[in-house]
């Protein structure tokens, strides 16, 4: 049996840096930086060249200071320049999220080049490879297949649901569910029974076994969140703020009231930039470390 291993952060970045086409190279740099989905890079939720804000965050930095004849290490609040890329979150109806990274290359070598690249485009799209979103995404997917050829990524076991149609003759009984609507108990031809609110379909669970699959663009999001949690010590709230990570919805460390705040629609709020900066302030200092 062929053995596989998960590529490291450095290996993934090296692959991206090796992409000859500048547009695709910066596109995958951006997708990786923001822990993004491909549609957030070059599809329906793609950024414009103005989708960023330059700012500073105060970060506690260890510094050497001399007092008399003694040299000591002190912690001083230090302004650290940053760029906050403002991403629209797919699967959250385009709700905004703050992807702030330090501009100092010792912390994030891609931040300043990416900021300079954005500034070249003004209100245009930096990463649009076709006028139609679906074609733009497909072109990027083709490029990803070539760029990450040879890499594999582990997929954990999960359950997905498949819609199966049914007729009224298959309904055994009805009841009013917790929502107050009628719910139907359906028996399929193979004898399996499922409750459903839908009058045409039932959802049958299908278990997908753990396996290895070729590394594609979506694996950039997975590789990034591994690095953020393992190396930068992001918790569930940090991951929700930075990546719109769906797993955070089940994070027991996040209060129920705050989960609503995590997913509020900031796109139409006048104070959205201020709110995004407050969200980014929570995790930014964790990114100011050399990995």
C-alpha atoms as a PDB file:
ATOM      1  CA  UNK A   1       0.000   0.000   0.000  1.00  0.00           C
ATOM      2  CA  UNK A   2       1.346   3.440  -0.946  1.00  0.00           C
ATOM      3  CA  UNK A   3       1.948   5.667   2.061  1.00  0.00           C
ATOM      4  CA  UNK A   4       1.211   9.376   2.012  1.00  0.00           C
ATOM      5  CA  UNK A   5       1.934  12.311   4.255  1.00  0.00           C
ATOM      6  CA  UNK A   6       0.463  15.734   4.759  1.00  0.00           C
ATOM      7  CA  UNK A   7       2.555  18.496   3.121  1.00  0.00           C
ATOM      8  CA  UNK A   8       4.033  21.059   5.472  1.00  0.00           C
ATOM      9  CA  UNK A   9       3.288  24.778   5.444  1.00  0.00           C
ATOM     10  CA  UNK A  10       6.743  25.461   3.985  1.00  0.00           C
ATOM     11  CA  UNK A  11       6.264  22.892   1.211  1.00  0.00           C
ATOM     12  CA  UNK A  12       2.894  24.341   0.192  1.00  0.00           C
ATOM     13  CA  UNK A  13       4.299  27.872   0.129  1.00  0.00           C
ATOM     14  CA  UNK A  14       7.261  26.711  -1.952  1.00  0.00           C
ATOM     15  CA  UNK A  15       4.870  25.191  -4.510  1.00  0.00           C
ATOM     16  CA  UNK A  16       2.952  28.460  -4.739  1.00  0.00           C
ATOM     17  CA  UNK A  17       6.122  30.541  -5.027  1.00  0.00           C
ATOM     18  CA  UNK A  18       7.199  28.299  -7.912  1.00  0.00           C
ATOM     19  CA  UNK A  19       4.100  29.054 -10.042  1.00  0.00           C
ATOM     20  CA  UNK A  20       5.403  30.918 -13.095  1.00  0.00           C
ATOM     21  CA  UNK A  21       2.189  32.742 -13.990  1.00  0.00           C
ATOM     22  CA  UNK A  22       2.064  35.822 -11.744  1.00  0.00           C
ATOM     23  CA  UNK A  23      -1.749  36.032 -11.689  1.00  0.00           C
ATOM     24  CA  UNK A  24      -2.205  32.462 -10.498  1.00  0.00           C
ATOM     25  CA  UNK A  25       0.742  32.701  -8.114  1.00  0.00           C
ATOM     26  CA  UNK A  26      -0.762  35.699  -6.332  1.00  0.00           C
ATOM     27  CA  UNK A  27      -4.231  34.159  -6.474  1.00  0.00           C
ATOM     28  CA  UNK A  28      -3.147  31.078  -4.529  1.00  0.00           C
ATOM     29  CA  UNK A  29      -1.023  33.201  -2.207  1.00  0.00           C
ATOM     30  CA  UNK A  30      -4.161  35.186  -1.388  1.00  0.00           C
ATOM     31  CA  UNK A  31      -6.381  32.130  -0.987  1.00  0.00           C
ATOM     32  CA  UNK A  32      -3.871  30.616   1.402  1.00  0.00           C
ATOM     33  CA  UNK A  33      -3.343  33.836   3.359  1.00  0.00           C
ATOM     34  CA  UNK A  34      -7.053  34.361   4.043  1.00  0.00           C
ATOM     35  CA  UNK A  35      -7.775  30.684   4.711  1.00  0.00           C
ATOM     36  CA  UNK A  36     -10.211  30.979   1.829  1.00  0.00           C
ATOM     37  CA  UNK A  37     -12.433  28.981  -0.444  1.00  0.00           C
ATOM     38  CA  UNK A  38     -11.829  29.241  -4.176  1.00  0.00           C
ATOM     39  CA  UNK A  39     -15.043  31.253  -4.705  1.00  0.00           C
ATOM     40  CA  UNK A  40     -13.694  33.802  -2.200  1.00  0.00           C
ATOM     41  CA  UNK A  41     -10.615  34.210  -4.386  1.00  0.00           C
ATOM     42  CA  UNK A  42     -11.827  34.170  -7.999  1.00  0.00           C
ATOM     43  CA  UNK A  43     -15.565  33.467  -7.926  1.00  0.00           C
ATOM     44  CA  UNK A  44     -18.771  35.099  -6.758  1.00  0.00           C
ATOM     45  CA  UNK A  45     -17.173  36.360  -3.529  1.00  0.00           C
ATOM     46  CA  UNK A  46     -13.873  37.505  -5.058  1.00  0.00           C
ATOM     47  CA  UNK A  47     -12.226  40.642  -3.625  1.00  0.00           C
ATOM     48  CA  UNK A  48     -11.654  43.882  -5.462  1.00  0.00           C
ATOM     49  CA  UNK A  49      -8.393  45.772  -5.377  1.00  0.00           C
ATOM     50  CA  UNK A  50      -9.875  47.985  -2.666  1.00  0.00           C
ATOM     51  CA  UNK A  51     -10.836  45.111  -0.344  1.00  0.00           C
ATOM     52  CA  UNK A  52      -8.226  45.877   2.285  1.00  0.00           C
ATOM     53  CA  UNK A  53      -7.327  48.373   4.986  1.00  0.00           C
ATOM     54  CA  UNK A  54      -3.900  49.352   6.273  1.00  0.00           C
ATOM     55  CA  UNK A  55      -3.640  49.788  10.034  1.00  0.00           C
ATOM     56  CA  UNK A  56      -1.567  49.116  13.124  1.00  0.00           C
ATOM     57  CA  UNK A  57      -2.135  46.861  16.103  1.00  0.00           C
ATOM     58  CA  UNK A  58      -0.404  47.156  19.454  1.00  0.00           C
ATOM     59  CA  UNK A  59       1.355  43.887  20.182  1.00  0.00           C
ATOM     60  CA  UNK A  60       3.305  42.928  23.340  1.00  0.00           C
ATOM     61  CA  UNK A  61       6.888  42.441  22.118  1.00  0.00           C
ATOM     62  CA  UNK A  62       9.813  41.112  24.169  1.00  0.00           C
ATOM     63  CA  UNK A  63      12.729  43.578  24.118  1.00  0.00           C
ATOM     64  CA  UNK A  64      16.139  43.796  25.759  1.00  0.00           C
ATOM     65  CA  UNK A  65      16.650  46.846  27.960  1.00  0.00           C
ATOM     66  CA  UNK A  66      19.676  47.931  30.013  1.00  0.00           C
ATOM     67  CA  UNK A  67      19.186  49.289  33.516  1.00  0.00           C
ATOM     68  CA  UNK A  68      22.521  50.359  34.951  1.00  0.00           C
ATOM     69  CA  UNK A  69      24.840  47.383  34.527  1.00  0.00           C
ATOM     70  CA  UNK A  70      21.999  44.912  34.168  1.00  0.00           C
ATOM     71  CA  UNK A  71      20.353  43.818  30.924  1.00  0.00           C
ATOM     72  CA  UNK A  72      16.802  42.581  31.287  1.00  0.00           C
ATOM     73  CA  UNK A  73      14.013  41.385  29.031  1.00  0.00           C
ATOM     74  CA  UNK A  74      10.848  43.455  29.166  1.00  0.00           C
ATOM     75  CA  UNK A  75       7.502  43.295  27.415  1.00  0.00           C
ATOM     76  CA  UNK A  76       6.498  46.506  25.673  1.00  0.00           C
ATOM     77  CA  UNK A  77       3.324  47.293  23.699  1.00  0.00           C
ATOM     78  CA  UNK A  78       4.632  47.971  20.195  1.00  0.00           C
ATOM     79  CA  UNK A  79       2.707  49.225  17.127  1.00  0.00           C
ATOM     80  CA  UNK A  80       2.942  46.611  14.361  1.00  0.00           C
ATOM     81  CA  UNK A  81       1.916  47.631  10.805  1.00  0.00           C
ATOM     82  CA  UNK A  82      -0.686  45.352   9.258  1.00  0.00           C
ATOM     83  CA  UNK A  83      -2.918  44.891   6.268  1.00  0.00           C
ATOM     84  CA  UNK A  84      -6.430  43.616   6.844  1.00  0.00           C
ATOM     85  CA  UNK A  85      -7.820  41.899   3.772  1.00  0.00           C
ATOM     86  CA  UNK A  86     -11.609  42.077   3.934  1.00  0.00           C
ATOM     87  CA  UNK A  87     -12.966  38.789   2.637  1.00  0.00           C
ATOM     88  CA  UNK A  88     -16.525  37.894   1.710  1.00  0.00           C
ATOM     89  CA  UNK A  89     -17.438  34.555   3.207  1.00  0.00           C
ATOM     90  CA  UNK A  90     -18.992  31.926   0.954  1.00  0.00           C
ATOM     91  CA  UNK A  91     -21.684  29.794   2.637  1.00  0.00           C
ATOM     92  CA  UNK A  92     -22.391  32.868   4.811  1.00  0.00           C
ATOM     93  CA  UNK A  93     -24.035  34.932   2.060  1.00  0.00           C
ATOM     94  CA  UNK A  94     -20.905  37.014   1.540  1.00  0.00           C
ATOM     95  CA  UNK A  95     -20.630  38.269   5.113  1.00  0.00           C
ATOM     96  CA  UNK A  96     -17.394  40.100   5.728  1.00  0.00           C
ATOM     97  CA  UNK A  97     -14.527  38.767   7.798  1.00  0.00           C
ATOM     98  CA  UNK A  98     -11.165  40.324   8.747  1.00  0.00           C
ATOM     99  CA  UNK A  99      -8.012  38.560   7.532  1.00  0.00           C
ATOM    100  CA  UNK A 100      -5.351  40.745   9.137  1.00  0.00           C
ATOM    101  CA  UNK A 101      -1.686  39.825   8.748  1.00  0.00           C
ATOM    102  CA  UNK A 102       1.492  41.649   9.827  1.00  0.00           C
ATOM    103  CA  UNK A 103       3.426  43.450   7.098  1.00  0.00           C
ATOM    104  CA  UNK A 104       6.792  42.636   8.663  1.00  0.00           C
ATOM    105  CA  UNK A 105       8.280  39.935   6.372  1.00  0.00           C
ATOM    106  CA  UNK A 106       9.778  38.034   9.287  1.00  0.00           C
ATOM    107  CA  UNK A 107       6.211  37.274  10.403  1.00  0.00           C
ATOM    108  CA  UNK A 108       4.476  37.062   7.004  1.00  0.00           C
ATOM    109  CA  UNK A 109       6.628  37.322   3.845  1.00  0.00           C
ATOM    110  CA  UNK A 110       3.615  37.439   1.517  1.00  0.00           C
ATOM    111  CA  UNK A 111       1.763  40.332   3.174  1.00  0.00           C
ATOM    112  CA  UNK A 112       3.573  43.341   1.671  1.00  0.00           C
ATOM    113  CA  UNK A 113       3.807  41.868  -1.867  1.00  0.00           C
ATOM    114  CA  UNK A 114       0.088  41.042  -1.715  1.00  0.00           C
ATOM    115  CA  UNK A 115      -0.788  44.549  -0.540  1.00  0.00           C
ATOM    116  CA  UNK A 116       1.262  46.050  -3.387  1.00  0.00           C
ATOM    117  CA  UNK A 117      -0.472  43.716  -5.847  1.00  0.00           C
ATOM    118  CA  UNK A 118      -3.941  44.771  -4.661  1.00  0.00           C
ATOM    119  CA  UNK A 119      -3.047  48.432  -5.083  1.00  0.00           C
ATOM    120  CA  UNK A 120      -2.419  47.843  -8.799  1.00  0.00           C
ATOM    121  CA  UNK A 121      -6.088  47.014  -9.435  1.00  0.00           C
ATOM    122  CA  UNK A 122      -8.125  49.788  -7.844  1.00  0.00           C
ATOM    123  CA  UNK A 123     -11.780  48.772  -7.997  1.00  0.00           C
ATOM    124  CA  UNK A 124     -11.116  45.892 -10.420  1.00  0.00           C
ATOM    125  CA  UNK A 125     -10.838  42.214  -9.503  1.00  0.00           C
ATOM    126  CA  UNK A 126      -7.236  41.072  -8.860  1.00  0.00           C
ATOM    127  CA  UNK A 127      -8.078  37.401  -9.381  1.00  0.00           C
ATOM    128  CA  UNK A 128     -10.681  37.014 -12.109  1.00  0.00           C
ATOM    129  CA  UNK A 129      -9.700  34.618 -14.903  1.00  0.00           C
ATOM    130  CA  UNK A 130     -12.949  34.810 -16.894  1.00  0.00           C
ATOM    131  CA  UNK A 131     -15.923  37.163 -16.942  1.00  0.00           C
ATOM    132  CA  UNK A 132     -18.138  34.322 -15.708  1.00  0.00           C
ATOM    133  CA  UNK A 133     -17.507  33.249 -12.121  1.00  0.00           C
ATOM    134  CA  UNK A 134     -17.904  29.535 -12.794  1.00  0.00           C
ATOM    135  CA  UNK A 135     -15.344  29.604 -15.614  1.00  0.00           C
ATOM    136  CA  UNK A 136     -12.935  31.678 -13.540  1.00  0.00           C
ATOM    137  CA  UNK A 137     -13.103  29.061 -10.795  1.00  0.00           C
ATOM    138  CA  UNK A 138     -12.587  26.214 -13.243  1.00  0.00           C
ATOM    139  CA  UNK A 139      -9.473  27.824 -14.725  1.00  0.00           C
ATOM    140  CA  UNK A 140      -8.047  28.223 -11.220  1.00  0.00           C
ATOM    141  CA  UNK A 141      -8.870  24.605 -10.410  1.00  0.00           C
ATOM    142  CA  UNK A 142      -7.003  23.430 -13.494  1.00  0.00           C
ATOM    143  CA  UNK A 143      -3.988  25.495 -12.477  1.00  0.00           C
ATOM    144  CA  UNK A 144      -4.146  24.079  -8.938  1.00  0.00           C
ATOM    145  CA  UNK A 145      -4.042  20.527 -10.298  1.00  0.00           C
ATOM    146  CA  UNK A 146      -0.738  21.332 -12.003  1.00  0.00           C
ATOM    147  CA  UNK A 147       0.712  23.477  -9.239  1.00  0.00           C
ATOM    148  CA  UNK A 148       0.157  20.954  -6.436  1.00  0.00           C
ATOM    149  CA  UNK A 149       0.757  17.798  -8.438  1.00  0.00           C
ATOM    150  CA  UNK A 150       2.205  15.086  -6.210  1.00  0.00           C
ATOM    151  CA  UNK A 151       0.747  16.437  -2.972  1.00  0.00           C
ATOM    152  CA  UNK A 152      -1.936  14.489  -1.101  1.00  0.00           C
ATOM    153  CA  UNK A 153      -4.258  15.542   1.704  1.00  0.00           C
ATOM    154  CA  UNK A 154      -5.978  13.357   4.338  1.00  0.00           C
ATOM    155  CA  UNK A 155      -9.768  13.377   4.432  1.00  0.00           C
ATOM    156  CA  UNK A 156     -11.420  12.377   7.691  1.00  0.00           C
ATOM    157  CA  UNK A 157     -14.506  10.189   7.783  1.00  0.00           C
ATOM    158  CA  UNK A 158     -17.726  12.171   7.507  1.00  0.00           C
ATOM    159  CA  UNK A 159     -21.414  11.729   6.746  1.00  0.00           C
ATOM    160  CA  UNK A 160     -23.139  13.414   3.832  1.00  0.00           C
ATOM    161  CA  UNK A 161     -26.806  13.264   2.900  1.00  0.00           C
ATOM    162  CA  UNK A 162     -28.250  12.227  -0.436  1.00  0.00           C
ATOM    163  CA  UNK A 163     -31.703  13.348  -1.585  1.00  0.00           C
ATOM    164  CA  UNK A 164     -33.961  10.445  -2.565  1.00  0.00           C
ATOM    165  CA  UNK A 165     -37.421  11.033  -4.095  1.00  0.00           C
ATOM    166  CA  UNK A 166     -40.501   9.289  -2.737  1.00  0.00           C
ATOM    167  CA  UNK A 167     -44.190   8.965  -3.563  1.00  0.00           C
ATOM    168  CA  UNK A 168     -47.154   9.505  -1.253  1.00  0.00           C
ATOM    169  CA  UNK A 169     -47.801   5.764  -1.221  1.00  0.00           C
ATOM    170  CA  UNK A 170     -44.489   5.404   0.673  1.00  0.00           C
ATOM    171  CA  UNK A 171     -45.674   7.608   3.568  1.00  0.00           C
ATOM    172  CA  UNK A 172     -46.431   5.442   6.594  1.00  0.00           C
ATOM    173  CA  UNK A 173     -47.574   8.111   9.027  1.00  0.00           C
ATOM    174  CA  UNK A 174     -47.468  11.841   9.723  1.00  0.00           C
ATOM    175  CA  UNK A 175     -46.895  14.024  12.762  1.00  0.00           C
ATOM    176  CA  UNK A 176     -46.290  17.647  13.658  1.00  0.00           C
ATOM    177  CA  UNK A 177     -42.592  18.158  14.282  1.00  0.00           C
ATOM    178  CA  UNK A 178     -40.832  20.563  16.622  1.00  0.00           C
ATOM    179  CA  UNK A 179     -41.113  23.301  13.994  1.00  0.00           C
ATOM    180  CA  UNK A 180     -44.903  23.098  13.949  1.00  0.00           C
ATOM    181  CA  UNK A 181     -44.971  21.731  10.391  1.00  0.00           C
ATOM    182  CA  UNK A 182     -46.095  18.316   9.211  1.00  0.00           C
ATOM    183  CA  UNK A 183     -43.378  15.672   9.195  1.00  0.00           C
ATOM    184  CA  UNK A 184     -43.648  12.440   7.204  1.00  0.00           C
ATOM    185  CA  UNK A 185     -42.302   8.978   7.994  1.00  0.00           C
ATOM    186  CA  UNK A 186     -41.272   7.488   4.668  1.00  0.00           C
ATOM    187  CA  UNK A 187     -40.384   3.852   3.987  1.00  0.00           C
ATOM    188  CA  UNK A 188     -38.161   3.420   0.934  1.00  0.00           C
ATOM    189  CA  UNK A 189     -38.127   0.391  -1.346  1.00  0.00           C
ATOM    190  CA  UNK A 190     -35.171  -1.109   0.538  1.00  0.00           C
ATOM    191  CA  UNK A 191     -37.114  -0.948   3.817  1.00  0.00           C
ATOM    192  CA  UNK A 192     -35.222   1.999   5.317  1.00  0.00           C
ATOM    193  CA  UNK A 193     -37.350   4.594   7.080  1.00  0.00           C
ATOM    194  CA  UNK A 194     -36.721   8.330   7.467  1.00  0.00           C
ATOM    195  CA  UNK A 195     -38.617  11.307   8.862  1.00  0.00           C
ATOM    196  CA  UNK A 196     -38.771  14.321   6.542  1.00  0.00           C
ATOM    197  CA  UNK A 197     -40.501  17.699   6.228  1.00  0.00           C
ATOM    198  CA  UNK A 198     -40.004  17.682   2.463  1.00  0.00           C
ATOM    199  CA  UNK A 199     -43.006  16.491   0.439  1.00  0.00           C
ATOM    200  CA  UNK A 200     -40.845  15.113  -2.384  1.00  0.00           C
ATOM    201  CA  UNK A 201     -37.503  13.972  -0.959  1.00  0.00           C
ATOM    202  CA  UNK A 202     -35.911  12.299   2.045  1.00  0.00           C
ATOM    203  CA  UNK A 203     -32.271  12.779   2.959  1.00  0.00           C
ATOM    204  CA  UNK A 204     -30.435   9.509   3.343  1.00  0.00           C
ATOM    205  CA  UNK A 205     -27.140   9.632   5.267  1.00  0.00           C
ATOM    206  CA  UNK A 206     -24.127   8.243   3.438  1.00  0.00           C
ATOM    207  CA  UNK A 207     -20.889   7.625   5.314  1.00  0.00           C
ATOM    208  CA  UNK A 208     -17.721   8.609   3.449  1.00  0.00           C
ATOM    209  CA  UNK A 209     -14.665   6.758   4.742  1.00  0.00           C
ATOM    210  CA  UNK A 210     -11.360   8.371   5.632  1.00  0.00           C
ATOM    211  CA  UNK A 211      -8.969   8.474   2.694  1.00  0.00           C
ATOM    212  CA  UNK A 212      -6.200  10.395   0.962  1.00  0.00           C
ATOM    213  CA  UNK A 213      -7.034  12.605  -2.000  1.00  0.00           C
ATOM    214  CA  UNK A 214      -4.971  14.757  -4.377  1.00  0.00           C
ATOM    215  CA  UNK A 215      -4.180  18.218  -3.000  1.00  0.00           C
ATOM    216  CA  UNK A 216      -6.386  20.835  -4.644  1.00  0.00           C
ATOM    217  CA  UNK A 217      -7.071  24.509  -4.004  1.00  0.00           C
ATOM    218  CA  UNK A 218      -9.506  23.854  -1.136  1.00  0.00           C
ATOM    219  CA  UNK A 219      -6.704  22.083   0.715  1.00  0.00           C
ATOM    220  CA  UNK A 220      -4.997  25.472   1.025  1.00  0.00           C
ATOM    221  CA  UNK A 221      -7.761  26.434   3.444  1.00  0.00           C
ATOM    222  CA  UNK A 222      -7.227  23.241   5.412  1.00  0.00           C
ATOM    223  CA  UNK A 223      -3.447  23.572   5.458  1.00  0.00           C
ATOM    224  CA  UNK A 224      -3.763  27.177   6.643  1.00  0.00           C
ATOM    225  CA  UNK A 225      -6.111  26.399   9.519  1.00  0.00           C
ATOM    226  CA  UNK A 226      -3.787  23.622  10.697  1.00  0.00           C
ATOM    227  CA  UNK A 227      -0.943  26.144  10.826  1.00  0.00           C
ATOM    228  CA  UNK A 228      -3.066  28.792  12.535  1.00  0.00           C
ATOM    229  CA  UNK A 229      -4.261  26.420  15.249  1.00  0.00           C
ATOM    230  CA  UNK A 230      -1.084  24.396  15.809  1.00  0.00           C
ATOM    231  CA  UNK A 231       1.634  27.044  15.344  1.00  0.00           C
ATOM    232  CA  UNK A 232      -0.214  30.272  16.149  1.00  0.00           C
ATOM    233  CA  UNK A 233      -2.543  28.836  18.808  1.00  0.00           C
ATOM    234  CA  UNK A 234      -5.793  30.061  17.259  1.00  0.00           C
ATOM    235  CA  UNK A 235      -8.874  28.976  19.196  1.00  0.00           C
ATOM    236  CA  UNK A 236     -12.414  28.524  17.903  1.00  0.00           C
ATOM    237  CA  UNK A 237     -13.289  32.213  18.026  1.00  0.00           C
ATOM    238  CA  UNK A 238     -10.069  33.209  16.266  1.00  0.00           C
ATOM    239  CA  UNK A 239     -10.750  30.665  13.517  1.00  0.00           C
ATOM    240  CA  UNK A 240     -14.324  31.896  13.160  1.00  0.00           C
ATOM    241  CA  UNK A 241     -13.196  35.511  12.860  1.00  0.00           C
ATOM    242  CA  UNK A 242     -10.311  34.845  10.457  1.00  0.00           C
ATOM    243  CA  UNK A 243     -11.636  32.050   8.274  1.00  0.00           C
ATOM    244  CA  UNK A 244     -15.394  31.977   8.826  1.00  0.00           C
ATOM    245  CA  UNK A 245     -14.669  28.407   9.866  1.00  0.00           C
ATOM    246  CA  UNK A 246     -17.870  26.378  10.028  1.00  0.00           C
ATOM    247  CA  UNK A 247     -16.464  24.093  12.734  1.00  0.00           C
ATOM    248  CA  UNK A 248     -16.575  27.036  15.142  1.00  0.00           C
ATOM    249  CA  UNK A 249     -20.352  26.741  15.178  1.00  0.00           C
ATOM    250  CA  UNK A 250     -19.918  23.601  17.252  1.00  0.00           C
ATOM    251  CA  UNK A 251     -17.128  24.987  19.436  1.00  0.00           C
ATOM    252  CA  UNK A 252     -18.260  24.625  23.051  1.00  0.00           C
ATOM    253  CA  UNK A 253     -15.893  27.440  24.105  1.00  0.00           C
ATOM    254  CA  UNK A 254     -17.975  30.032  22.234  1.00  0.00           C
ATOM    255  CA  UNK A 255     -21.010  31.412  24.138  1.00  0.00           C
ATOM    256  CA  UNK A 256     -24.311  31.041  22.280  1.00  0.00           C
ATOM    257  CA  UNK A 257     -24.906  34.806  22.184  1.00  0.00           C
ATOM    258  CA  UNK A 258     -21.475  35.364  20.658  1.00  0.00           C
ATOM    259  CA  UNK A 259     -22.088  32.835  17.890  1.00  0.00           C
ATOM    260  CA  UNK A 260     -24.770  35.164  16.550  1.00  0.00           C
ATOM    261  CA  UNK A 261     -22.303  38.049  16.627  1.00  0.00           C
ATOM    262  CA  UNK A 262     -19.707  35.998  14.726  1.00  0.00           C
ATOM    263  CA  UNK A 263     -22.055  35.646  11.783  1.00  0.00           C
ATOM    264  CA  UNK A 264     -23.844  39.005  11.763  1.00  0.00           C
ATOM    265  CA  UNK A 265     -24.058  40.709   8.395  1.00  0.00           C
ATOM    266  CA  UNK A 266     -21.399  43.394   8.568  1.00  0.00           C
ATOM    267  CA  UNK A 267     -21.677  44.231   4.887  1.00  0.00           C
ATOM    268  CA  UNK A 268     -24.365  46.865   5.377  1.00  0.00           C
ATOM    269  CA  UNK A 269     -23.207  48.223   8.740  1.00  0.00           C
ATOM    270  CA  UNK A 270     -21.662  51.692   8.787  1.00  0.00           C
ATOM    271  CA  UNK A 271     -19.359  50.635  11.596  1.00  0.00           C
ATOM    272  CA  UNK A 272     -18.252  47.471   9.771  1.00  0.00           C
ATOM    273  CA  UNK A 273     -14.581  48.467   9.454  1.00  0.00           C
ATOM    274  CA  UNK A 274     -14.371  49.288  13.155  1.00  0.00           C
ATOM    275  CA  UNK A 275     -16.021  45.991  14.057  1.00  0.00           C
ATOM    276  CA  UNK A 276     -13.711  44.061  11.740  1.00  0.00           C
ATOM    277  CA  UNK A 277     -10.676  45.694  13.321  1.00  0.00           C
ATOM    278  CA  UNK A 278     -11.909  44.785  16.805  1.00  0.00           C
ATOM    279  CA  UNK A 279     -12.349  41.198  15.653  1.00  0.00           C
ATOM    280  CA  UNK A 280      -8.848  41.126  14.153  1.00  0.00           C
ATOM    281  CA  UNK A 281      -7.326  42.616  17.302  1.00  0.00           C
ATOM    282  CA  UNK A 282      -8.289  39.450  19.160  1.00  0.00           C
ATOM    283  CA  UNK A 283      -5.992  37.185  17.164  1.00  0.00           C
ATOM    284  CA  UNK A 284      -3.455  39.497  15.499  1.00  0.00           C
ATOM    285  CA  UNK A 285      -0.755  39.278  18.179  1.00  0.00           C
ATOM    286  CA  UNK A 286      -0.679  35.498  17.704  1.00  0.00           C
ATOM    287  CA  UNK A 287       0.538  36.017  14.144  1.00  0.00           C
ATOM    288  CA  UNK A 288       3.502  38.113  15.311  1.00  0.00           C
ATOM    289  CA  UNK A 289       5.830  35.195  15.851  1.00  0.00           C
ATOM    290  CA  UNK A 290       8.475  33.670  13.617  1.00  0.00           C
ATOM    291  CA  UNK A 291       7.573  30.109  12.638  1.00  0.00           C
END
